[in-house]
Amino acid sequence: MQKIRQDCGLGQNIRRMRLNARMTQEEVAAQLQLAGCDTSRSVYAQIECGAYNIRVSELIVLRRLFDVDYNAFFEGLEDEL
């Protein structure tokens, strides 16, 4: 059986941003929920590990929360192709 290669993911970059902000997954999920995103800690954990495709609304909130440019989410992804 042939394995299907996972698409490029933003998860590692998002995890790095969260750690740089010294936040827990629970804290980030709470901020996402306060901003109107229906994102539990479990779903957020799946975003970081690449098992869940992030929604644009979540990306917008994370950009504000981590105070980064959108380019930071895509940093190094060209190397995965």
PDB file of N, CA and C in Angstrom:
ATOM      1  N   MET A   1       0.843  -1.172   0.000  1.00  0.00           N
ATOM      2  CA  MET A   1       0.000   0.000   0.000  1.00  0.00           C
ATOM      3  C   MET A   1       0.898   1.247   0.000  1.00  0.00           C
ATOM      4  N   GLN A   2       0.591   2.181  -0.858  1.00  0.00           N
ATOM      5  CA  GLN A   2       1.365   3.407  -0.976  1.00  0.00           C
ATOM      6  C   GLN A   2       0.815   4.461  -0.012  1.00  0.00           C
ATOM      7  N   LYS A   3       1.721   5.098   0.719  1.00  0.00           N
ATOM      8  CA  LYS A   3       1.310   6.169   1.620  1.00  0.00           C
ATOM      9  C   LYS A   3       1.171   7.460   0.842  1.00  0.00           C
ATOM     10  N   ILE A   4       0.157   8.237   1.165  1.00  0.00           N
ATOM     11  CA  ILE A   4      -0.029   9.537   0.550  1.00  0.00           C
ATOM     12  C   ILE A   4       0.737  10.547   1.391  1.00  0.00           C
ATOM     13  N   ARG A   5       1.580  11.314   0.754  1.00  0.00           N
ATOM     14  CA  ARG A   5       2.386  12.315   1.449  1.00  0.00           C
ATOM     15  C   ARG A   5       1.509  13.464   1.915  1.00  0.00           C
ATOM     16  N   GLN A   6       1.691  13.819   3.169  1.00  0.00           N
ATOM     17  CA  GLN A   6       0.917  14.929   3.730  1.00  0.00           C
ATOM     18  C   GLN A   6       1.342  16.228   3.059  1.00  0.00           C
ATOM     19  N   ASP A   7       0.380  17.090   2.825  1.00  0.00           N
ATOM     20  CA  ASP A   7       0.654  18.396   2.233  1.00  0.00           C
ATOM     21  C   ASP A   7       1.473  19.240   3.207  1.00  0.00           C
ATOM     22  N   CYS A   8       2.053  20.305   2.701  1.00  0.00           N
ATOM     23  CA  CYS A   8       2.802  21.232   3.555  1.00  0.00           C
ATOM     24  C   CYS A   8       1.882  21.732   4.661  1.00  0.00           C
ATOM     25  N   GLY A   9       2.424  21.848   5.824  1.00  0.00           N
ATOM     26  CA  GLY A   9       1.613  22.294   6.947  1.00  0.00           C
ATOM     27  C   GLY A   9       2.221  23.495   7.638  1.00  0.00           C
ATOM     28  N   LEU A  10       1.356  24.272   8.239  1.00  0.00           N
ATOM     29  CA  LEU A  10       1.784  25.450   8.969  1.00  0.00           C
ATOM     30  C   LEU A  10       2.031  25.135  10.436  1.00  0.00           C
ATOM     31  N   GLY A  11       1.694  23.933  10.841  1.00  0.00           N
ATOM     32  CA  GLY A  11       1.703  23.558  12.252  1.00  0.00           C
ATOM     33  C   GLY A  11       2.994  23.817  13.000  1.00  0.00           C
ATOM     34  N   GLN A  12       4.115  23.444  12.409  1.00  0.00           N
ATOM     35  CA  GLN A  12       5.392  23.636  13.098  1.00  0.00           C
ATOM     36  C   GLN A  12       5.675  25.119  13.317  1.00  0.00           C
ATOM     37  N   ASN A  13       5.376  25.924  12.336  1.00  0.00           N
ATOM     38  CA  ASN A  13       5.583  27.367  12.479  1.00  0.00           C
ATOM     39  C   ASN A  13       4.650  27.948  13.534  1.00  0.00           C
ATOM     40  N   ILE A  14       3.410  27.484  13.562  1.00  0.00           N
ATOM     41  CA  ILE A  14       2.447  27.974  14.549  1.00  0.00           C
ATOM     42  C   ILE A  14       2.878  27.549  15.952  1.00  0.00           C
ATOM     43  N   ARG A  15       3.351  26.333  16.085  1.00  0.00           N
ATOM     44  CA  ARG A  15       3.830  25.858  17.390  1.00  0.00           C
ATOM     45  C   ARG A  15       4.996  26.728  17.871  1.00  0.00           C
ATOM     46  N   ARG A  16       5.924  27.025  16.973  1.00  0.00           N
ATOM     47  CA  ARG A  16       7.072  27.856  17.323  1.00  0.00           C
ATOM     48  C   ARG A  16       6.610  29.238  17.788  1.00  0.00           C
ATOM     49  N   MET A  17       5.631  29.809  17.072  1.00  0.00           N
ATOM     50  CA  MET A  17       5.104  31.119  17.453  1.00  0.00           C
ATOM     51  C   MET A  17       4.460  31.069  18.833  1.00  0.00           C
ATOM     52  N   ARG A  18       3.721  30.007  19.095  1.00  0.00           N
ATOM     53  CA  ARG A  18       3.064  29.861  20.409  1.00  0.00           C
ATOM     54  C   ARG A  18       4.107  29.767  21.510  1.00  0.00           C
ATOM     55  N   LEU A  19       5.138  28.968  21.291  1.00  0.00           N
ATOM     56  CA  LEU A  19       6.179  28.826  22.297  1.00  0.00           C
ATOM     57  C   LEU A  19       6.930  30.136  22.508  1.00  0.00           C
ATOM     58  N   ASN A  20       7.174  30.876  21.423  1.00  0.00           N
ATOM     59  CA  ASN A  20       7.827  32.180  21.545  1.00  0.00           C
ATOM     60  C   ASN A  20       6.971  33.158  22.348  1.00  0.00           C
ATOM     61  N   ALA A  21       5.653  33.008  22.236  1.00  0.00           N
ATOM     62  CA  ALA A  21       4.725  33.861  22.983  1.00  0.00           C
ATOM     63  C   ALA A  21       4.522  33.359  24.413  1.00  0.00           C
ATOM     64  N   ARG A  22       5.145  32.218  24.729  1.00  0.00           N
ATOM     65  CA  ARG A  22       5.045  31.598  26.056  1.00  0.00           C
ATOM     66  C   ARG A  22       3.597  31.352  26.456  1.00  0.00           C
ATOM     67  N   MET A  23       2.877  30.752  25.509  1.00  0.00           N
ATOM     68  CA  MET A  23       1.468  30.429  25.740  1.00  0.00           C
ATOM     69  C   MET A  23       1.284  28.929  25.669  1.00  0.00           C
ATOM     70  N   THR A  24       0.270  28.428  26.371  1.00  0.00           N
ATOM     71  CA  THR A  24      -0.092  27.027  26.272  1.00  0.00           C
ATOM     72  C   THR A  24      -1.109  26.860  25.144  1.00  0.00           C
ATOM     73  N   GLN A  25      -1.311  25.633  24.726  1.00  0.00           N
ATOM     74  CA  GLN A  25      -2.337  25.369  23.716  1.00  0.00           C
ATOM     75  C   GLN A  25      -3.707  25.781  24.241  1.00  0.00           C
ATOM     76  N   GLU A  26      -3.944  25.551  25.512  1.00  0.00           N
ATOM     77  CA  GLU A  26      -5.227  25.922  26.122  1.00  0.00           C
ATOM     78  C   GLU A  26      -5.445  27.428  26.056  1.00  0.00           C
ATOM     79  N   GLU A  27      -4.406  28.209  26.323  1.00  0.00           N
ATOM     80  CA  GLU A  27      -4.518  29.667  26.276  1.00  0.00           C
ATOM     81  C   GLU A  27      -4.799  30.164  24.856  1.00  0.00           C
ATOM     82  N   VAL A  28      -4.129  29.565  23.876  1.00  0.00           N
ATOM     83  CA  VAL A  28      -4.357  29.963  22.489  1.00  0.00           C
ATOM     84  C   VAL A  28      -5.781  29.605  22.072  1.00  0.00           C
ATOM     85  N   ALA A  29      -6.223  28.405  22.425  1.00  0.00           N
ATOM     86  CA  ALA A  29      -7.584  27.984  22.084  1.00  0.00           C
ATOM     87  C   ALA A  29      -8.613  28.921  22.720  1.00  0.00           C
ATOM     88  N   ALA A  30      -8.360  29.344  23.956  1.00  0.00           N
ATOM     89  CA  ALA A  30      -9.279  30.271  24.628  1.00  0.00           C
ATOM     90  C   ALA A  30      -9.339  31.599  23.882  1.00  0.00           C
ATOM     91  N   GLN A  31      -8.200  32.103  23.427  1.00  0.00           N
ATOM     92  CA  GLN A  31      -8.177  33.359  22.673  1.00  0.00           C
ATOM     93  C   GLN A  31      -8.903  33.216  21.334  1.00  0.00           C
ATOM     94  N   LEU A  32      -8.735  32.071  20.693  1.00  0.00           N
ATOM     95  CA  LEU A  32      -9.447  31.811  19.437  1.00  0.00           C
ATOM     96  C   LEU A  32     -10.954  31.812  19.682  1.00  0.00           C
ATOM     97  N   GLN A  33     -11.375  31.183  20.775  1.00  0.00           N
ATOM     98  CA  GLN A  33     -12.798  31.138  21.098  1.00  0.00           C
ATOM     99  C   GLN A  33     -13.341  32.532  21.412  1.00  0.00           C
ATOM    100  N   LEU A  34     -12.572  33.322  22.157  1.00  0.00           N
ATOM    101  CA  LEU A  34     -13.004  34.690  22.464  1.00  0.00           C
ATOM    102  C   LEU A  34     -13.162  35.526  21.201  1.00  0.00           C
ATOM    103  N   ALA A  35     -12.383  35.200  20.167  1.00  0.00           N
ATOM    104  CA  ALA A  35     -12.459  35.932  18.901  1.00  0.00           C
ATOM    105  C   ALA A  35     -13.550  35.384  17.981  1.00  0.00           C
ATOM    106  N   GLY A  36     -14.279  34.370  18.448  1.00  0.00           N
ATOM    107  CA  GLY A  36     -15.393  33.854  17.660  1.00  0.00           C
ATOM    108  C   GLY A  36     -15.104  32.604  16.853  1.00  0.00           C
ATOM    109  N   CYS A  37     -13.915  32.037  17.014  1.00  0.00           N
ATOM    110  CA  CYS A  37     -13.580  30.788  16.314  1.00  0.00           C
ATOM    111  C   CYS A  37     -13.979  29.615  17.204  1.00  0.00           C
ATOM    112  N   ASP A  38     -14.629  28.634  16.631  1.00  0.00           N
ATOM    113  CA  ASP A  38     -15.042  27.445  17.374  1.00  0.00           C
ATOM    114  C   ASP A  38     -13.882  26.451  17.365  1.00  0.00           C
ATOM    115  N   THR A  39     -12.833  26.754  18.148  1.00  0.00           N
ATOM    116  CA  THR A  39     -11.610  25.962  18.138  1.00  0.00           C
ATOM    117  C   THR A  39     -11.295  25.498  19.558  1.00  0.00           C
ATOM    118  N   SER A  40     -11.410  24.205  19.781  1.00  0.00           N
ATOM    119  CA  SER A  40     -11.079  23.648  21.094  1.00  0.00           C
ATOM    120  C   SER A  40      -9.567  23.444  21.203  1.00  0.00           C
ATOM    121  N   ARG A  41      -9.095  23.106  22.395  1.00  0.00           N
ATOM    122  CA  ARG A  41      -7.679  22.827  22.570  1.00  0.00           C
ATOM    123  C   ARG A  41      -7.289  21.615  21.745  1.00  0.00           C
ATOM    124  N   SER A  42      -8.164  20.644  21.661  1.00  0.00           N
ATOM    125  CA  SER A  42      -7.910  19.446  20.882  1.00  0.00           C
ATOM    126  C   SER A  42      -7.736  19.767  19.394  1.00  0.00           C
ATOM    127  N   VAL A  43      -8.609  20.600  18.861  1.00  0.00           N
ATOM    128  CA  VAL A  43      -8.510  21.005  17.455  1.00  0.00           C
ATOM    129  C   VAL A  43      -7.239  21.823  17.243  1.00  0.00           C
ATOM    130  N   TYR A  44      -6.933  22.718  18.185  1.00  0.00           N
ATOM    131  CA  TYR A  44      -5.718  23.511  18.058  1.00  0.00           C
ATOM    132  C   TYR A  44      -4.481  22.607  18.046  1.00  0.00           C
ATOM    133  N   ALA A  45      -4.471  21.596  18.892  1.00  0.00           N
ATOM    134  CA  ALA A  45      -3.347  20.642  18.919  1.00  0.00           C
ATOM    135  C   ALA A  45      -3.214  19.946  17.567  1.00  0.00           C
ATOM    136  N   GLN A  46      -4.345  19.629  16.935  1.00  0.00           N
ATOM    137  CA  GLN A  46      -4.320  18.998  15.615  1.00  0.00           C
ATOM    138  C   GLN A  46      -3.776  19.948  14.553  1.00  0.00           C
ATOM    139  N   ILE A  47      -4.022  21.243  14.705  1.00  0.00           N
ATOM    140  CA  ILE A  47      -3.460  22.236  13.782  1.00  0.00           C
ATOM    141  C   ILE A  47      -1.944  22.199  13.881  1.00  0.00           C
ATOM    142  N   GLU A  48      -1.429  22.196  15.114  1.00  0.00           N
ATOM    143  CA  GLU A  48       0.019  22.201  15.310  1.00  0.00           C
ATOM    144  C   GLU A  48       0.687  20.936  14.772  1.00  0.00           C
ATOM    145  N   CYS A  49       0.009  19.810  14.865  1.00  0.00           N
ATOM    146  CA  CYS A  49       0.648  18.568  14.392  1.00  0.00           C
ATOM    147  C   CYS A  49       0.327  18.269  12.928  1.00  0.00           C
ATOM    148  N   GLY A  50      -0.433  19.132  12.279  1.00  0.00           N
ATOM    149  CA  GLY A  50      -0.701  18.978  10.854  1.00  0.00           C
ATOM    150  C   GLY A  50      -1.824  18.030  10.509  1.00  0.00           C
ATOM    151  N   ALA A  51      -2.620  17.640  11.498  1.00  0.00           N
ATOM    152  CA  ALA A  51      -3.723  16.714  11.254  1.00  0.00           C
ATOM    153  C   ALA A  51      -5.032  17.446  10.938  1.00  0.00           C
ATOM    154  N   TYR A  52      -5.028  18.771  11.019  1.00  0.00           N
ATOM    155  CA  TYR A  52      -6.230  19.568  10.786  1.00  0.00           C
ATOM    156  C   TYR A  52      -5.830  20.779   9.962  1.00  0.00           C
ATOM    157  N   ASN A  53      -6.550  21.043   8.925  1.00  0.00           N
ATOM    158  CA  ASN A  53      -6.273  22.212   8.087  1.00  0.00           C
ATOM    159  C   ASN A  53      -6.867  23.454   8.734  1.00  0.00           C
ATOM    160  N   ILE A  54      -6.011  24.416   8.950  1.00  0.00           N
ATOM    161  CA  ILE A  54      -6.426  25.646   9.615  1.00  0.00           C
ATOM    162  C   ILE A  54      -7.368  26.451   8.723  1.00  0.00           C
ATOM    163  N   ARG A  55      -8.350  27.083   9.357  1.00  0.00           N
ATOM    164  CA  ARG A  55      -9.282  27.949   8.638  1.00  0.00           C
ATOM    165  C   ARG A  55      -8.692  29.352   8.562  1.00  0.00           C
ATOM    166  N   VAL A  56      -9.096  30.103   7.578  1.00  0.00           N
ATOM    167  CA  VAL A  56      -8.587  31.464   7.393  1.00  0.00           C
ATOM    168  C   VAL A  56      -8.909  32.314   8.621  1.00  0.00           C
ATOM    169  N   SER A  57     -10.091  32.175   9.174  1.00  0.00           N
ATOM    170  CA  SER A  57     -10.463  32.967  10.354  1.00  0.00           C
ATOM    171  C   SER A  57      -9.514  32.688  11.515  1.00  0.00           C
ATOM    172  N   GLU A  58      -9.109  31.443  11.689  1.00  0.00           N
ATOM    173  CA  GLU A  58      -8.161  31.091  12.749  1.00  0.00           C
ATOM    174  C   GLU A  58      -6.792  31.708  12.472  1.00  0.00           C
ATOM    175  N   LEU A  59      -6.394  31.686  11.224  1.00  0.00           N
ATOM    176  CA  LEU A  59      -5.106  32.263  10.837  1.00  0.00           C
ATOM    177  C   LEU A  59      -5.071  33.762  11.126  1.00  0.00           C
ATOM    178  N   ILE A  60      -6.158  34.441  10.840  1.00  0.00           N
ATOM    179  CA  ILE A  60      -6.246  35.883  11.098  1.00  0.00           C
ATOM    180  C   ILE A  60      -6.095  36.169  12.595  1.00  0.00           C
ATOM    181  N   VAL A  61      -6.794  35.402  13.416  1.00  0.00           N
ATOM    182  CA  VAL A  61      -6.722  35.606  14.863  1.00  0.00           C
ATOM    183  C   VAL A  61      -5.319  35.286  15.377  1.00  0.00           C
ATOM    184  N   LEU A  62      -4.713  34.206  14.884  1.00  0.00           N
ATOM    185  CA  LEU A  62      -3.364  33.845  15.335  1.00  0.00           C
ATOM    186  C   LEU A  62      -2.344  34.905  14.935  1.00  0.00           C
ATOM    187  N   ARG A  63      -2.500  35.500  13.769  1.00  0.00           N
ATOM    188  CA  ARG A  63      -1.575  36.554  13.339  1.00  0.00           C
ATOM    189  C   ARG A  63      -1.621  37.720  14.330  1.00  0.00           C
ATOM    190  N   ARG A  64      -2.830  38.102  14.714  1.00  0.00           N
ATOM    191  CA  ARG A  64      -2.979  39.192  15.685  1.00  0.00           C
ATOM    192  C   ARG A  64      -2.436  38.787  17.060  1.00  0.00           C
ATOM    193  N   LEU A  65      -2.779  37.571  17.485  1.00  0.00           N
ATOM    194  CA  LEU A  65      -2.388  37.084  18.801  1.00  0.00           C
ATOM    195  C   LEU A  65      -0.870  37.009  18.955  1.00  0.00           C
ATOM    196  N   PHE A  66      -0.196  36.483  17.936  1.00  0.00           N
ATOM    197  CA  PHE A  66       1.254  36.320  17.999  1.00  0.00           C
ATOM    198  C   PHE A  66       2.005  37.552  17.493  1.00  0.00           C
ATOM    199  N   ASP A  67       1.267  38.543  16.982  1.00  0.00           N
ATOM    200  CA  ASP A  67       1.836  39.787  16.473  1.00  0.00           C
ATOM    201  C   ASP A  67       2.942  39.514  15.450  1.00  0.00           C
ATOM    202  N   VAL A  68       2.570  38.741  14.409  1.00  0.00           N
ATOM    203  CA  VAL A  68       3.507  38.392  13.344  1.00  0.00           C
ATOM    204  C   VAL A  68       2.922  38.786  11.995  1.00  0.00           C
ATOM    205  N   ASP A  69       3.778  38.800  10.997  1.00  0.00           N
ATOM    206  CA  ASP A  69       3.376  39.012   9.616  1.00  0.00           C
ATOM    207  C   ASP A  69       2.868  37.680   9.067  1.00  0.00           C
ATOM    208  N   TYR A  70       1.978  37.718   8.102  1.00  0.00           N
ATOM    209  CA  TYR A  70       1.478  36.470   7.517  1.00  0.00           C
ATOM    210  C   TYR A  70       2.603  35.612   6.936  1.00  0.00           C
ATOM    211  N   ASN A  71       3.676  36.241   6.462  1.00  0.00           N
ATOM    212  CA  ASN A  71       4.788  35.482   5.896  1.00  0.00           C
ATOM    213  C   ASN A  71       5.403  34.519   6.903  1.00  0.00           C
ATOM    214  N   ALA A  72       5.321  34.836   8.177  1.00  0.00           N
ATOM    215  CA  ALA A  72       5.894  33.972   9.215  1.00  0.00           C
ATOM    216  C   ALA A  72       5.243  32.588   9.228  1.00  0.00           C
ATOM    217  N   PHE A  73       3.984  32.507   8.844  1.00  0.00           N
ATOM    218  CA  PHE A  73       3.294  31.215   8.824  1.00  0.00           C
ATOM    219  C   PHE A  73       3.848  30.300   7.734  1.00  0.00           C
ATOM    220  N   PHE A  74       4.372  30.895   6.679  1.00  0.00           N
ATOM    221  CA  PHE A  74       4.815  30.122   5.526  1.00  0.00           C
ATOM    222  C   PHE A  74       6.320  29.946   5.463  1.00  0.00           C
ATOM    223  N   GLU A  75       7.022  30.448   6.457  1.00  0.00           N
ATOM    224  CA  GLU A  75       8.473  30.401   6.498  1.00  0.00           C
ATOM    225  C   GLU A  75       8.989  28.954   6.391  1.00  0.00           C
ATOM    226  N   GLY A  76       9.864  28.731   5.431  1.00  0.00           N
ATOM    227  CA  GLY A  76      10.500  27.427   5.268  1.00  0.00           C
ATOM    228  C   GLY A  76       9.659  26.365   4.572  1.00  0.00           C
ATOM    229  N   LEU A  77       8.433  26.671   4.188  1.00  0.00           N
ATOM    230  CA  LEU A  77       7.578  25.646   3.581  1.00  0.00           C
ATOM    231  C   LEU A  77       8.015  25.278   2.167  1.00  0.00           C
ATOM    232  N   GLU A  78       8.714  26.191   1.476  1.00  0.00           N
ATOM    233  CA  GLU A  78       9.192  25.855   0.137  1.00  0.00           C
ATOM    234  C   GLU A  78      10.132  24.666   0.169  1.00  0.00           C
ATOM    235  N   ASP A  79      10.841  24.513   1.282  1.00  0.00           N
ATOM    236  CA  ASP A  79      11.797  23.408   1.433  1.00  0.00           C
ATOM    237  C   ASP A  79      11.107  22.055   1.524  1.00  0.00           C
ATOM    238  N   GLU A  80       9.818  22.037   1.889  1.00  0.00           N
ATOM    239  CA  GLU A  80       9.081  20.781   2.031  1.00  0.00           C
ATOM    240  C   GLU A  80       8.634  20.214   0.689  1.00  0.00           C
ATOM    241  N   LEU A  81       8.648  21.019  -0.354  1.00  0.00           N
ATOM    242  CA  LEU A  81       8.156  20.558  -1.661  1.00  0.00           C
ATOM    243  C   LEU A  81       9.203  19.759  -2.398  1.00  0.00           C
TER     244      LEU A  81
END
